[in-house]
Amino acid sequence: MVVLRRFVIALSAAMLLGAAEPSAAARDAFLRGESALARGRWDDAATAYREALADTPGYPAALNGLGSVLFRKGQVQEALTLFRDAAKADPGFKMAWFNLGYAARKTGDAATAAQAYERYTELEPGDADGFYGLGESYRQLGQKDKAIPAYQAYIAREQRRGEQVWVRKATEHLKAMGAEPLAVATAPAAATPSAAPVAESVTSNPALAASRIRDGDALMKERRYREAAFAFLDASHADAGHVEALFKLGNALAVLGYYGQAVAQWERATALTKDAAIQQSAKENIDRARAKMAQAGVSPQAAGQAPGSGPVADTTRALARRAYEQGVQRIASKDFSGALTSLTQSIQLEPMLAVAFVARGSANIGLRRYAEAAADYQYALELEPGSASPLYGLAESFRAMGRMLEARDLYERYAASSSADVRPQLQEESRQKAARLR
């Protein structure tokens, strides 16, 4: 499941109704912690969260963020205490309850996990992940009468293609308990918004999204369009249902000449909002972009060219490709730190270059920076959903992080892939590794 990716993300203080209002200094420190945590810089994140708590004791979002860091570092009991404190400080803080449930379940405390997931599903009845955790907790407690409707509620809500392995597991548990997989859920499935049924629940970090949107706005004013696109892309990852992030990402891509991708972002934004003004503006942008595509004959994307092939300066593209090739050469010679520097330079020059993210993921794995590697592979998949290389890299990252079930699913997907970049030798290795993780 995608729960661990969501697990490490805290929520903005603005979302914490009823909680103590943090000072400006505490909020700034919290945002630094969020940014560091999203990039896998755990020590920097912990320092920033502690600064926020020193300035505003009991700040729920900072408690939750620090708990996320400590959990990832293996300090589980300390993390559990922080999650409890965050939930106590603000009983309506959804993510604190989710994190408490997740951490408790991973430590074998099914009773605490069940209580936390019960509260979370009350607060967020449309989220599939909460019901899966609730079903697992009840099953571990031997409470079949409660586990069955929780699993059924999960199956009724889960629509993400990448999560079907968990649907199969929930179905197996239900059959073992003598229940039907698709019985009516305990809460109406319609509670999940129809415009974006599940993607919105994958990530929820409005504070980081807002921060990166501000960065993108400033970069657009400076005409640093590629860097602005990268900032808006960050924002859309931080909060998958953020209409403003998607709309502005479309704007930046259009300026760069990526009309096909721009249209896709505006269409996503349109589907997520009922604001007539935004819908009309998106429609006008889409019409203009399609006219530009027709005038040019075809866009680089429609022609099947790789990201990075758009109408940017030849010198810029050449520098990006040179930095990418240098990074690959350094990986081959096991100079992973040097490769990281080169590949980061390539990405800064051409933020839509998917192969550079894949290569940087490999450099991060070489440095045992598995969280950073996973983030790079996930970006690459966003840019090229049909590619296979990021699947294998992400599987390796998750396996190193102890996320075995997710790793197995990714190995299986790589083994079954028919993508042009798939390698038969790695497919066989993937089959073997998936079998060992069963």
Protein backbone atom coordinates (compact mmCIF):
# COMPACT_ATOMS: atom_id res chain seq x y z
CA MET A 1 0.00 0.00 0.00
CA VAL A 2 1.03 3.63 -0.31
CA VAL A 3 0.46 4.19 3.39
CA LEU A 4 4.11 4.58 4.35
CA ARG A 5 4.67 7.32 1.80
CA ARG A 6 1.70 9.12 3.33
CA PHE A 7 2.79 8.12 6.83
CA VAL A 8 5.84 10.35 6.84
CA ILE A 9 3.95 13.49 5.88
CA ALA A 10 2.56 15.78 8.56
CA LEU A 11 -0.28 18.24 8.06
CA SER A 12 -0.18 22.01 8.04
CA ALA A 13 -0.97 23.82 11.25
CA ALA A 14 -3.70 25.65 9.38
CA MET A 15 -5.57 22.35 9.18
CA LEU A 16 -5.44 21.71 12.91
CA LEU A 17 -8.71 23.16 14.12
CA GLY A 18 -8.81 23.46 17.87
CA ALA A 19 -5.05 23.13 18.32
CA ALA A 20 -2.82 25.79 19.84
CA GLU A 21 -1.91 28.38 17.24
CA PRO A 22 1.83 28.13 16.51
CA SER A 23 4.00 31.20 16.38
CA ALA A 24 5.40 32.39 13.07
CA ALA A 25 8.83 31.06 14.07
CA ALA A 26 7.37 27.66 14.94
CA ARG A 27 5.48 27.52 11.66
CA ASP A 28 8.62 28.36 9.69
CA ALA A 29 10.58 25.67 11.53
CA PHE A 30 7.77 23.19 10.88
CA LEU A 31 7.81 23.92 7.15
CA ARG A 32 11.58 23.37 7.10
CA GLY A 33 10.99 20.05 8.79
CA GLU A 34 8.35 19.11 6.21
CA SER A 35 10.64 19.96 3.34
CA ALA A 36 13.55 17.99 4.82
CA LEU A 37 11.34 15.01 5.63
CA ALA A 38 9.89 14.88 2.13
CA ARG A 39 13.46 14.60 0.81
CA GLY A 40 14.55 11.95 3.32
CA ARG A 41 16.82 14.27 5.33
CA TRP A 42 15.79 12.84 8.67
CA ASP A 43 18.27 14.55 10.99
CA ASP A 44 17.56 17.97 9.47
CA ALA A 45 13.84 17.30 9.76
CA ALA A 46 14.12 16.25 13.42
CA THR A 47 16.10 19.38 14.27
CA ALA A 48 13.53 21.63 12.60
CA TYR A 49 10.56 19.92 14.27
CA ARG A 50 12.25 20.22 17.67
CA GLU A 51 12.80 23.92 17.03
CA ALA A 52 9.09 24.28 16.31
CA LEU A 53 8.20 22.44 19.52
CA ALA A 54 10.66 24.49 21.60
CA ASP A 55 8.95 27.65 20.37
CA THR A 56 5.38 26.29 20.62
CA PRO A 57 5.19 23.30 22.98
CA GLY A 58 2.44 20.87 22.09
CA TYR A 59 2.32 21.94 18.43
CA PRO A 60 0.46 18.91 17.00
CA ALA A 61 1.84 18.97 13.45
CA ALA A 62 5.42 19.19 14.74
CA LEU A 63 4.78 16.34 17.20
CA ASN A 64 3.47 14.25 14.34
CA GLY A 65 6.38 15.17 12.07
CA LEU A 66 8.97 14.35 14.71
CA GLY A 67 7.22 11.07 15.38
CA SER A 68 7.44 10.24 11.67
CA VAL A 69 11.19 10.88 11.68
CA LEU A 70 11.81 8.78 14.78
CA PHE A 71 9.72 5.91 13.44
CA ARG A 72 11.79 5.86 10.26
CA LYS A 73 14.97 5.84 12.37
CA GLY A 74 13.74 2.83 14.37
CA GLN A 75 12.89 4.74 17.57
CA VAL A 76 9.43 3.24 17.60
CA GLN A 77 8.34 3.74 21.20
CA GLU A 78 9.35 7.40 21.14
CA ALA A 79 7.42 7.79 17.88
CA LEU A 80 4.31 6.19 19.36
CA THR A 81 4.43 8.61 22.29
CA LEU A 82 4.65 11.57 19.93
CA PHE A 83 1.75 10.35 17.80
CA ARG A 84 -0.36 9.90 20.95
CA ASP A 85 0.57 13.41 22.09
CA ALA A 86 -0.33 14.87 18.70
CA ALA A 87 -3.73 13.15 18.70
CA LYS A 88 -4.37 14.23 22.28
CA ALA A 89 -3.40 17.83 21.48
CA ASP A 90 -5.86 17.87 18.59
CA PRO A 91 -8.42 15.03 18.58
CA GLY A 92 -9.45 16.02 15.06
CA PHE A 93 -5.93 15.62 13.64
CA LYS A 94 -6.52 12.84 11.11
CA MET A 95 -2.94 12.01 10.24
CA ALA A 96 -1.87 11.68 13.86
CA TRP A 97 -4.51 8.98 14.36
CA PHE A 98 -3.50 7.26 11.15
CA ASN A 99 0.18 7.31 12.11
CA LEU A 100 -0.59 6.05 15.60
CA GLY A 101 -2.55 3.16 14.12
CA TYR A 102 0.11 2.32 11.56
CA ALA A 103 3.01 2.45 14.04
CA ALA A 104 1.13 0.47 16.67
CA ARG A 105 0.20 -2.22 14.14
CA LYS A 106 3.81 -2.51 12.99
CA THR A 107 4.91 -3.07 16.61
CA GLY A 108 2.27 -5.74 17.24
CA ASP A 109 0.04 -3.57 19.45
CA ALA A 110 -3.18 -4.44 17.63
CA ALA A 111 -5.43 -3.07 20.38
CA THR A 112 -3.94 0.44 20.18
CA ALA A 113 -3.91 0.20 16.39
CA ALA A 114 -7.59 -0.71 16.25
CA GLN A 115 -8.57 2.21 18.50
CA ALA A 116 -6.53 4.64 16.41
CA TYR A 117 -7.90 3.36 13.10
CA GLU A 118 -11.44 3.50 14.48
CA ARG A 119 -10.99 7.20 15.16
CA TYR A 120 -9.26 7.80 11.83
CA THR A 121 -12.01 6.15 9.79
CA GLU A 122 -14.59 8.23 11.66
CA LEU A 123 -12.70 11.38 10.64
CA GLU A 124 -11.87 10.19 7.09
CA PRO A 125 -14.56 7.67 6.05
CA GLY A 126 -13.65 7.81 2.37
CA ASP A 127 -10.03 6.69 2.75
CA ALA A 128 -9.42 3.05 1.84
CA ASP A 129 -6.11 2.77 3.69
CA GLY A 130 -7.67 3.40 7.09
CA PHE A 131 -10.12 0.54 6.64
CA TYR A 132 -7.37 -1.86 5.57
CA GLY A 133 -5.41 -1.07 8.74
CA LEU A 134 -8.59 -1.44 10.79
CA GLY A 135 -9.34 -4.83 9.25
CA GLU A 136 -5.79 -6.04 9.89
CA SER A 137 -5.91 -4.88 13.51
CA TYR A 138 -9.24 -6.56 14.23
CA ARG A 139 -8.10 -9.76 12.52
CA GLN A 140 -4.96 -9.85 14.68
CA LEU A 141 -7.15 -9.39 17.75
CA GLY A 142 -9.33 -12.31 16.65
CA GLN A 143 -12.38 -10.06 16.31
CA LYS A 144 -13.76 -11.54 13.12
CA ASP A 145 -17.13 -9.80 13.43
CA LYS A 146 -15.37 -6.42 13.21
CA ALA A 147 -12.61 -7.41 10.78
CA ILE A 148 -15.06 -8.53 8.09
CA PRO A 149 -16.91 -5.21 7.61
CA ALA A 150 -13.60 -3.30 7.79
CA TYR A 151 -12.09 -5.35 4.95
CA GLN A 152 -15.33 -5.02 2.97
CA ALA A 153 -15.22 -1.26 3.43
CA TYR A 154 -11.63 -1.25 2.19
CA ILE A 155 -12.45 -3.23 -0.97
CA ALA A 156 -15.44 -1.00 -1.71
CA ARG A 157 -13.18 2.08 -1.68
CA GLU A 158 -9.91 0.87 -3.19
CA GLN A 159 -9.70 1.82 -6.86
CA ARG A 160 -5.96 2.44 -7.35
CA ARG A 161 -4.44 0.10 -9.90
CA GLY A 162 -1.18 -0.17 -7.99
CA GLU A 163 -2.97 -1.25 -4.82
CA GLN A 164 -4.78 -4.30 -6.18
CA VAL A 165 -2.34 -6.63 -4.44
CA TRP A 166 -3.88 -5.44 -1.17
CA VAL A 167 -7.39 -5.95 -2.49
CA ARG A 168 -6.42 -9.55 -3.21
CA LYS A 169 -5.06 -9.96 0.30
CA ALA A 170 -8.19 -8.50 1.87
CA THR A 171 -10.29 -10.82 -0.29
CA GLU A 172 -8.23 -13.82 0.85
CA HIS A 173 -8.73 -12.85 4.50
CA LEU A 174 -12.48 -12.50 3.98
CA LYS A 175 -12.72 -15.89 2.31
CA ALA A 176 -10.74 -17.44 5.16
CA MET A 177 -13.29 -15.97 7.56
CA GLY A 178 -16.18 -17.28 5.46
CA ALA A 179 -17.33 -13.85 4.28
CA GLU A 180 -18.17 -12.34 0.91
CA PRO A 181 -15.56 -9.86 -0.38
CA LEU A 182 -17.94 -7.33 -1.90
CA ALA A 183 -20.65 -6.98 0.71
CA VAL A 184 -21.97 -3.52 1.51
CA ALA A 185 -19.39 -1.34 3.23
CA THR A 186 -19.90 -0.02 6.74
CA ALA A 187 -19.85 3.56 5.45
CA PRO A 188 -21.15 4.74 2.08
CA ALA A 189 -18.54 4.39 -0.63
CA ALA A 190 -19.90 7.60 -2.13
CA ALA A 191 -18.10 9.44 0.67
CA THR A 192 -15.06 9.36 -1.58
CA PRO A 193 -15.23 12.31 -4.00
CA SER A 194 -16.14 11.12 -7.46
CA ALA A 195 -13.86 13.53 -9.28
CA ALA A 196 -10.69 12.06 -7.77
CA PRO A 197 -11.73 8.87 -6.02
CA VAL A 198 -8.49 7.93 -4.36
CA ALA A 199 -5.54 9.87 -5.68
CA GLU A 200 -6.32 12.68 -3.27
CA SER A 201 -5.68 10.38 -0.32
CA VAL A 202 -2.29 9.20 -1.53
CA THR A 203 -0.46 12.22 -0.19
CA SER A 204 -1.64 15.05 2.01
CA ASN A 205 0.88 17.76 2.74
CA PRO A 206 -0.77 21.11 2.05
CA ALA A 207 1.94 23.01 3.89
CA LEU A 208 4.70 21.77 1.60
CA ALA A 209 2.45 22.18 -1.44
CA ALA A 210 1.78 25.82 -0.57
CA SER A 211 5.48 26.46 0.00
CA ARG A 212 6.48 24.96 -3.37
CA ILE A 213 3.71 26.86 -5.16
CA ARG A 214 5.13 30.10 -3.77
CA ASP A 215 8.56 29.04 -5.03
CA GLY A 216 7.09 28.28 -8.44
CA ASP A 217 5.31 31.63 -8.62
CA ALA A 218 8.55 33.46 -7.88
CA LEU A 219 10.43 31.44 -10.48
CA MET A 220 7.78 32.13 -13.11
CA LYS A 221 8.18 35.86 -12.49
CA GLU A 222 11.92 35.45 -13.02
CA ARG A 223 11.20 33.50 -16.24
CA ARG A 224 12.96 30.43 -14.83
CA TYR A 225 10.28 28.23 -16.29
CA ARG A 226 11.93 24.81 -16.01
CA GLU A 227 12.67 25.34 -12.34
CA ALA A 228 9.12 26.63 -11.85
CA ALA A 229 7.72 23.47 -13.45
CA PHE A 230 9.80 21.42 -11.04
CA ALA A 231 8.43 23.41 -8.08
CA PHE A 232 4.81 22.95 -9.19
CA LEU A 233 5.50 19.26 -9.79
CA ASP A 234 6.79 19.03 -6.20
CA ALA A 235 3.60 20.73 -5.02
CA SER A 236 1.39 18.30 -6.93
CA HIS A 237 3.24 15.39 -5.33
CA ALA A 238 2.90 16.89 -1.86
CA ASP A 239 -0.88 17.25 -2.26
CA ALA A 240 -2.20 15.09 -5.10
CA GLY A 241 -5.56 16.85 -5.29
CA HIS A 242 -4.23 20.41 -5.25
CA VAL A 243 -6.00 22.21 -8.08
CA GLU A 244 -3.77 25.29 -8.02
CA ALA A 245 -0.61 23.17 -8.22
CA LEU A 246 -1.91 21.23 -11.21
CA PHE A 247 -3.17 24.34 -12.99
CA LYS A 248 0.11 26.19 -12.56
CA LEU A 249 2.11 23.12 -13.55
CA GLY A 250 0.12 23.16 -16.78
CA ASN A 251 0.98 26.82 -17.28
CA ALA A 252 4.70 26.21 -16.80
CA LEU A 253 4.71 23.20 -19.12
CA ALA A 254 2.90 25.18 -21.79
CA VAL A 255 5.48 27.96 -21.67
CA LEU A 256 8.15 25.31 -22.18
CA GLY A 257 6.25 23.93 -25.15
CA TYR A 258 5.07 20.71 -23.50
CA TYR A 259 1.53 21.27 -24.72
CA GLY A 260 0.35 17.68 -24.43
CA GLN A 261 1.48 17.41 -20.83
CA ALA A 262 0.07 20.87 -20.06
CA VAL A 263 -3.34 19.83 -21.38
CA ALA A 264 -3.24 16.71 -19.20
CA GLN A 265 -2.59 18.83 -16.06
CA TRP A 266 -5.36 21.31 -16.87
CA GLU A 267 -7.77 18.44 -17.49
CA ARG A 268 -6.86 16.95 -14.10
CA ALA A 269 -7.41 20.32 -12.44
CA THR A 270 -10.78 20.71 -14.17
CA ALA A 271 -11.91 17.28 -12.94
CA LEU A 272 -11.02 18.19 -9.34
CA THR A 273 -12.91 21.49 -9.06
CA LYS A 274 -16.44 22.80 -9.43
CA ASP A 275 -15.24 26.40 -9.68
CA ALA A 276 -16.70 27.66 -12.96
CA ALA A 277 -14.03 30.33 -13.36
CA ILE A 278 -11.20 27.80 -13.05
CA GLN A 279 -12.94 25.39 -15.41
CA GLN A 280 -13.44 28.13 -18.00
CA SER A 281 -9.84 29.31 -17.72
CA ALA A 282 -8.60 25.73 -18.09
CA LYS A 283 -10.79 25.24 -21.15
CA GLU A 284 -9.40 28.38 -22.78
CA ASN A 285 -5.84 27.26 -22.02
CA ILE A 286 -6.51 23.80 -23.42
CA ASP A 287 -7.98 25.27 -26.61
CA ARG A 288 -4.95 27.54 -27.09
CA ALA A 289 -2.52 24.69 -26.39
CA ARG A 290 -4.23 22.43 -28.91
CA ALA A 291 -4.15 25.20 -31.47
CA LYS A 292 -0.41 25.60 -30.87
CA MET A 293 0.05 21.86 -31.30
CA ALA A 294 -1.88 21.91 -34.56
CA GLN A 295 0.07 24.94 -35.79
CA ALA A 296 3.38 23.23 -35.00
CA GLY A 297 2.21 20.02 -36.64
CA VAL A 298 2.77 17.86 -33.57
CA SER A 299 4.20 18.26 -30.06
CA PRO A 300 7.39 16.48 -28.99
CA GLN A 301 5.30 14.36 -26.61
CA ALA A 302 2.75 13.39 -29.25
CA ALA A 303 5.63 12.33 -31.46
CA GLY A 304 6.72 9.93 -28.75
CA GLN A 305 9.91 11.77 -27.90
CA ALA A 306 11.34 11.45 -24.41
CA PRO A 307 10.80 14.12 -21.74
CA GLY A 308 13.45 16.77 -22.23
CA SER A 309 12.87 16.91 -25.98
CA GLY A 310 10.72 20.01 -25.91
CA PRO A 311 11.44 23.40 -27.47
CA VAL A 312 14.17 24.48 -25.06
CA ALA A 313 17.48 26.00 -25.98
CA ASP A 314 19.81 23.48 -27.62
CA THR A 315 22.62 24.59 -25.34
CA THR A 316 20.53 23.91 -22.24
CA ARG A 317 19.48 20.50 -23.50
CA ALA A 318 23.06 19.64 -24.40
CA LEU A 319 24.30 20.60 -20.94
CA ALA A 320 21.58 18.51 -19.30
CA ARG A 321 22.39 15.47 -21.44
CA ARG A 322 26.09 15.87 -20.80
CA ALA A 323 25.54 16.02 -17.04
CA TYR A 324 23.28 12.97 -17.26
CA GLU A 325 25.86 10.95 -19.21
CA GLN A 326 28.57 12.00 -16.79
CA GLY A 327 26.40 10.85 -13.90
CA VAL A 328 25.84 7.44 -15.52
CA GLN A 329 29.57 7.04 -16.08
CA ARG A 330 30.23 7.87 -12.43
CA ILE A 331 27.69 5.27 -11.31
CA ALA A 332 29.52 2.68 -13.43
CA SER A 333 32.77 3.57 -11.64
CA LYS A 334 30.96 3.50 -8.26
CA ASP A 335 31.54 7.21 -7.67
CA PHE A 336 28.03 7.60 -6.30
CA SER A 337 28.57 10.99 -4.65
CA GLY A 338 29.93 12.44 -7.88
CA ALA A 339 27.07 10.84 -9.81
CA LEU A 340 24.57 12.46 -7.47
CA THR A 341 26.07 15.88 -8.15
CA SER A 342 26.04 15.40 -11.93
CA LEU A 343 22.51 14.01 -12.06
CA THR A 344 21.13 16.73 -9.82
CA GLN A 345 22.65 19.27 -12.21
CA SER A 346 20.99 17.48 -15.14
CA ILE A 347 17.59 17.59 -13.41
CA GLN A 348 17.96 21.26 -12.57
CA LEU A 349 18.61 22.01 -16.21
CA GLU A 350 15.81 19.78 -17.50
CA PRO A 351 13.31 18.88 -14.73
CA MET A 352 11.20 16.67 -17.00
CA LEU A 353 14.07 14.32 -17.88
CA ALA A 354 12.78 11.02 -16.49
CA VAL A 355 15.94 9.01 -17.16
CA ALA A 356 17.92 11.42 -14.97
CA PHE A 357 15.59 10.67 -12.04
CA VAL A 358 16.06 6.93 -12.61
CA ALA A 359 19.83 7.31 -12.68
CA ARG A 360 19.83 9.52 -9.60
CA GLY A 361 17.78 6.87 -7.83
CA SER A 362 20.57 4.39 -8.61
CA ALA A 363 23.16 6.81 -7.22
CA ASN A 364 21.12 7.20 -4.04
CA ILE A 365 20.87 3.43 -3.66
CA GLY A 366 24.65 3.25 -4.03
CA LEU A 367 24.87 5.72 -1.12
CA ARG A 368 22.26 3.72 0.83
CA ARG A 369 19.92 6.72 0.76
CA TYR A 370 16.89 4.55 0.13
CA ALA A 371 14.16 7.09 0.91
CA GLU A 372 15.71 9.57 -1.51
CA ALA A 373 16.05 6.83 -4.12
CA ALA A 374 12.39 5.89 -3.76
CA ALA A 375 11.36 9.52 -4.26
CA ASP A 376 13.40 9.73 -7.47
CA TYR A 377 11.93 6.53 -8.89
CA GLN A 378 8.41 7.72 -8.03
CA TYR A 379 9.02 10.98 -9.90
CA ALA A 380 10.27 9.01 -12.89
CA LEU A 381 7.09 6.94 -12.90
CA GLU A 382 5.00 10.10 -12.80
CA LEU A 383 6.85 11.41 -15.84
CA GLU A 384 6.83 8.11 -17.75
CA PRO A 385 4.10 5.85 -16.34
CA GLY A 386 4.73 3.16 -18.94
CA SER A 387 8.44 2.70 -18.21
CA ALA A 388 9.81 -0.34 -16.39
CA SER A 389 13.17 0.81 -14.99
CA PRO A 390 11.66 2.87 -12.14
CA LEU A 391 9.63 -0.19 -11.04
CA TYR A 392 12.75 -2.26 -10.42
CA GLY A 393 14.55 0.61 -8.69
CA LEU A 394 11.57 1.34 -6.48
CA ALA A 395 11.30 -2.34 -5.58
CA GLU A 396 14.96 -2.37 -4.55
CA SER A 397 14.46 0.78 -2.47
CA PHE A 398 11.39 -0.56 -0.70
CA ARG A 399 13.08 -3.90 0.00
CA ALA A 400 16.00 -2.08 1.62
CA MET A 401 13.53 -0.03 3.68
CA GLY A 402 11.74 -3.16 4.91
CA ARG A 403 8.59 -2.55 2.86
CA MET A 404 8.56 -6.14 1.63
CA LEU A 405 5.00 -6.50 0.36
CA GLU A 406 5.24 -3.36 -1.74
CA ALA A 407 8.62 -4.49 -3.03
CA ARG A 408 7.19 -7.85 -4.04
CA ASP A 409 4.36 -6.20 -5.97
CA LEU A 410 6.84 -3.99 -7.83
CA TYR A 411 9.12 -6.92 -8.66
CA GLU A 412 6.11 -8.76 -10.06
CA ARG A 413 5.11 -5.74 -12.14
CA TYR A 414 8.63 -5.47 -13.55
CA ALA A 415 8.76 -9.18 -14.33
CA ALA A 416 5.47 -8.90 -16.23
CA SER A 417 6.35 -5.65 -18.04
CA SER A 418 6.64 -5.49 -21.82
CA SER A 419 8.09 -1.96 -21.81
CA ALA A 420 10.91 -1.19 -24.22
CA ASP A 421 13.34 -0.49 -21.37
CA VAL A 422 12.82 -3.81 -19.59
CA ARG A 423 15.84 -6.14 -19.30
CA PRO A 424 15.31 -9.93 -19.46
CA GLN A 425 18.02 -10.64 -16.89
CA LEU A 426 16.42 -8.25 -14.40
CA GLN A 427 13.02 -9.76 -15.14
CA GLU A 428 14.32 -13.17 -14.07
CA GLU A 429 15.93 -11.66 -10.97
CA SER A 430 12.64 -9.89 -10.23
CA ARG A 431 10.73 -13.17 -10.42
CA GLN A 432 13.18 -14.80 -8.03
CA LYS A 433 13.11 -11.90 -5.58
CA ALA A 434 9.30 -11.74 -5.65
CA ALA A 435 9.15 -15.49 -4.93
CA ARG A 436 11.48 -15.09 -1.92
CA LEU A 437 9.24 -12.36 -0.51
CA ARG A 438 6.10 -14.51 -0.55
